[in-house]
Amino acid sequence: MNELNKLFKPPTEKSQGIVNVEEKTLNQLKQMLNVKIGRVEEQGEELVVYVPKDQVAKAIGAGGCVVRSVERVLNRRLSIKEST
């Protein structure tokens, strides 16, 4: 559980609406994306997932199929971005 809590970016004044994502949601993300997740931000109804640069294409999938699948399972919009 401590490992999952490290994935969250703490709320800052610059980023609005960041709330901790449920552990169940994080586990589903890790399993479905099958890549190392740097952090997860929740912005309204959208989840922004930061992954290493060399794994962005794998996380998105061919034609965005992985992202669409995750969106349907979680019933939320999903954005994949490079972690810095």
C-alpha atoms as a PDB file:
ATOM      1  CA  MET A   1       0.000   0.000   0.000  1.00  0.00           C
ATOM      2  CA  ASN A   2       2.871   2.411   0.690  1.00  0.00           C
ATOM      3  CA  GLU A   3       4.120   1.853  -2.866  1.00  0.00           C
ATOM      4  CA  LEU A   4       0.740   2.904  -4.262  1.00  0.00           C
ATOM      5  CA  ASN A   5       0.632   6.047  -2.127  1.00  0.00           C
ATOM      6  CA  LYS A   6       3.986   7.165  -3.561  1.00  0.00           C
ATOM      7  CA  LEU A   7       2.401   7.400  -7.032  1.00  0.00           C
ATOM      8  CA  PHE A   8       0.286  10.389  -6.065  1.00  0.00           C
ATOM      9  CA  LYS A   9       1.528  13.876  -6.695  1.00  0.00           C
ATOM     10  CA  PRO A  10       0.735  15.992  -3.645  1.00  0.00           C
ATOM     11  CA  PRO A  11      -1.756  18.810  -4.332  1.00  0.00           C
ATOM     12  CA  THR A  12      -0.188  22.158  -5.112  1.00  0.00           C
ATOM     13  CA  GLU A  13      -1.584  25.620  -5.698  1.00  0.00           C
ATOM     14  CA  LYS A  14      -0.794  25.312  -9.404  1.00  0.00           C
ATOM     15  CA  SER A  15      -2.709  22.067  -9.906  1.00  0.00           C
ATOM     16  CA  GLN A  16      -6.359  22.158  -8.981  1.00  0.00           C
ATOM     17  CA  GLY A  17      -8.686  19.328  -8.100  1.00  0.00           C
ATOM     18  CA  ILE A  18      -6.076  16.652  -7.451  1.00  0.00           C
ATOM     19  CA  VAL A  19      -7.545  14.006  -5.193  1.00  0.00           C
ATOM     20  CA  ASN A  20      -6.170  10.640  -4.165  1.00  0.00           C
ATOM     21  CA  VAL A  21      -7.229   7.901  -6.535  1.00  0.00           C
ATOM     22  CA  GLU A  22      -8.698   4.800  -4.947  1.00  0.00           C
ATOM     23  CA  GLU A  23      -6.387   1.837  -4.457  1.00  0.00           C
ATOM     24  CA  LYS A  24      -8.684  -0.343  -6.580  1.00  0.00           C
ATOM     25  CA  THR A  25      -8.408   2.110  -9.484  1.00  0.00           C
ATOM     26  CA  LEU A  26      -4.609   2.214  -9.175  1.00  0.00           C
ATOM     27  CA  ASN A  27      -4.378  -1.573  -9.208  1.00  0.00           C
ATOM     28  CA  GLN A  28      -6.558  -1.723 -12.320  1.00  0.00           C
ATOM     29  CA  LEU A  29      -4.400   0.901 -14.028  1.00  0.00           C
ATOM     30  CA  LYS A  30      -1.177  -0.952 -13.218  1.00  0.00           C
ATOM     31  CA  GLN A  31      -2.604  -4.238 -14.476  1.00  0.00           C
ATOM     32  CA  MET A  32      -4.212  -2.920 -17.669  1.00  0.00           C
ATOM     33  CA  LEU A  33      -1.457  -0.547 -18.777  1.00  0.00           C
ATOM     34  CA  ASN A  34       1.297  -3.008 -17.899  1.00  0.00           C
ATOM     35  CA  VAL A  35       3.919  -0.248 -17.626  1.00  0.00           C
ATOM     36  CA  LYS A  36       5.725   1.454 -14.746  1.00  0.00           C
ATOM     37  CA  ILE A  37       3.552   4.300 -13.464  1.00  0.00           C
ATOM     38  CA  GLY A  38       5.400   7.371 -12.206  1.00  0.00           C
ATOM     39  CA  ARG A  39       2.396   9.132 -10.698  1.00  0.00           C
ATOM     40  CA  VAL A  40      -1.331   9.613 -11.180  1.00  0.00           C
ATOM     41  CA  GLU A  41      -3.195  12.910 -11.029  1.00  0.00           C
ATOM     42  CA  GLU A  42      -6.957  13.183 -10.865  1.00  0.00           C
ATOM     43  CA  GLN A  43      -8.246  16.313 -12.579  1.00  0.00           C
ATOM     44  CA  GLY A  44     -12.013  16.384 -12.448  1.00  0.00           C
ATOM     45  CA  GLU A  45     -13.262  13.301 -14.277  1.00  0.00           C
ATOM     46  CA  GLU A  46      -9.917  12.766 -16.023  1.00  0.00           C
ATOM     47  CA  LEU A  47      -6.988  10.679 -14.803  1.00  0.00           C
ATOM     48  CA  VAL A  48      -3.540  11.802 -15.943  1.00  0.00           C
ATOM     49  CA  VAL A  49      -1.038   8.941 -15.769  1.00  0.00           C
ATOM     50  CA  TYR A  50       2.683   9.699 -16.016  1.00  0.00           C
ATOM     51  CA  VAL A  51       4.824   6.886 -17.436  1.00  0.00           C
ATOM     52  CA  PRO A  52       8.495   6.676 -18.534  1.00  0.00           C
ATOM     53  CA  LYS A  53       9.247   8.097 -21.984  1.00  0.00           C
ATOM     54  CA  ASP A  54      10.160   4.718 -23.471  1.00  0.00           C
ATOM     55  CA  GLN A  55       6.853   3.149 -22.347  1.00  0.00           C
ATOM     56  CA  VAL A  56       4.366   5.804 -23.519  1.00  0.00           C
ATOM     57  CA  ALA A  57       3.615   3.994 -26.792  1.00  0.00           C
ATOM     58  CA  LYS A  58       3.015   0.715 -24.968  1.00  0.00           C
ATOM     59  CA  ALA A  59       0.664   2.423 -22.501  1.00  0.00           C
ATOM     60  CA  ILE A  60      -1.350   4.012 -25.322  1.00  0.00           C
ATOM     61  CA  GLY A  61      -1.478   0.877 -27.474  1.00  0.00           C
ATOM     62  CA  ALA A  62      -1.985   0.537 -31.226  1.00  0.00           C
ATOM     63  CA  GLY A  63      -4.377   3.246 -32.290  1.00  0.00           C
ATOM     64  CA  GLY A  64      -5.115   4.072 -28.655  1.00  0.00           C
ATOM     65  CA  CYS A  65      -6.756   0.709 -27.975  1.00  0.00           C
ATOM     66  CA  VAL A  66      -5.300   0.331 -24.481  1.00  0.00           C
ATOM     67  CA  VAL A  67      -6.362   3.825 -23.423  1.00  0.00           C
ATOM     68  CA  ARG A  68      -9.894   3.296 -24.759  1.00  0.00           C
ATOM     69  CA  SER A  69     -10.156  -0.032 -22.944  1.00  0.00           C
ATOM     70  CA  VAL A  70      -9.065   1.492 -19.648  1.00  0.00           C
ATOM     71  CA  GLU A  71     -11.476   4.393 -20.134  1.00  0.00           C
ATOM     72  CA  ARG A  72     -14.372   1.999 -20.624  1.00  0.00           C
ATOM     73  CA  VAL A  73     -13.487  -0.165 -17.621  1.00  0.00           C
ATOM     74  CA  LEU A  74     -12.950   2.789 -15.264  1.00  0.00           C
ATOM     75  CA  ASN A  75     -15.670   4.922 -16.875  1.00  0.00           C
ATOM     76  CA  ARG A  76     -13.301   7.928 -16.844  1.00  0.00           C
ATOM     77  CA  ARG A  77     -11.199   9.825 -19.359  1.00  0.00           C
ATOM     78  CA  LEU A  78      -7.512   8.883 -19.362  1.00  0.00           C
ATOM     79  CA  SER A  79      -4.445  10.849 -20.468  1.00  0.00           C
ATOM     80  CA  ILE A  80      -0.969   9.354 -20.754  1.00  0.00           C
ATOM     81  CA  LYS A  81       1.990  11.722 -20.357  1.00  0.00           C
ATOM     82  CA  GLU A  82       5.760  11.342 -20.101  1.00  0.00           C
ATOM     83  CA  SER A  83       7.127  11.471 -16.584  1.00  0.00           C
ATOM     84  CA  THR A  84       9.966  13.898 -15.979  1.00  0.00           C
END
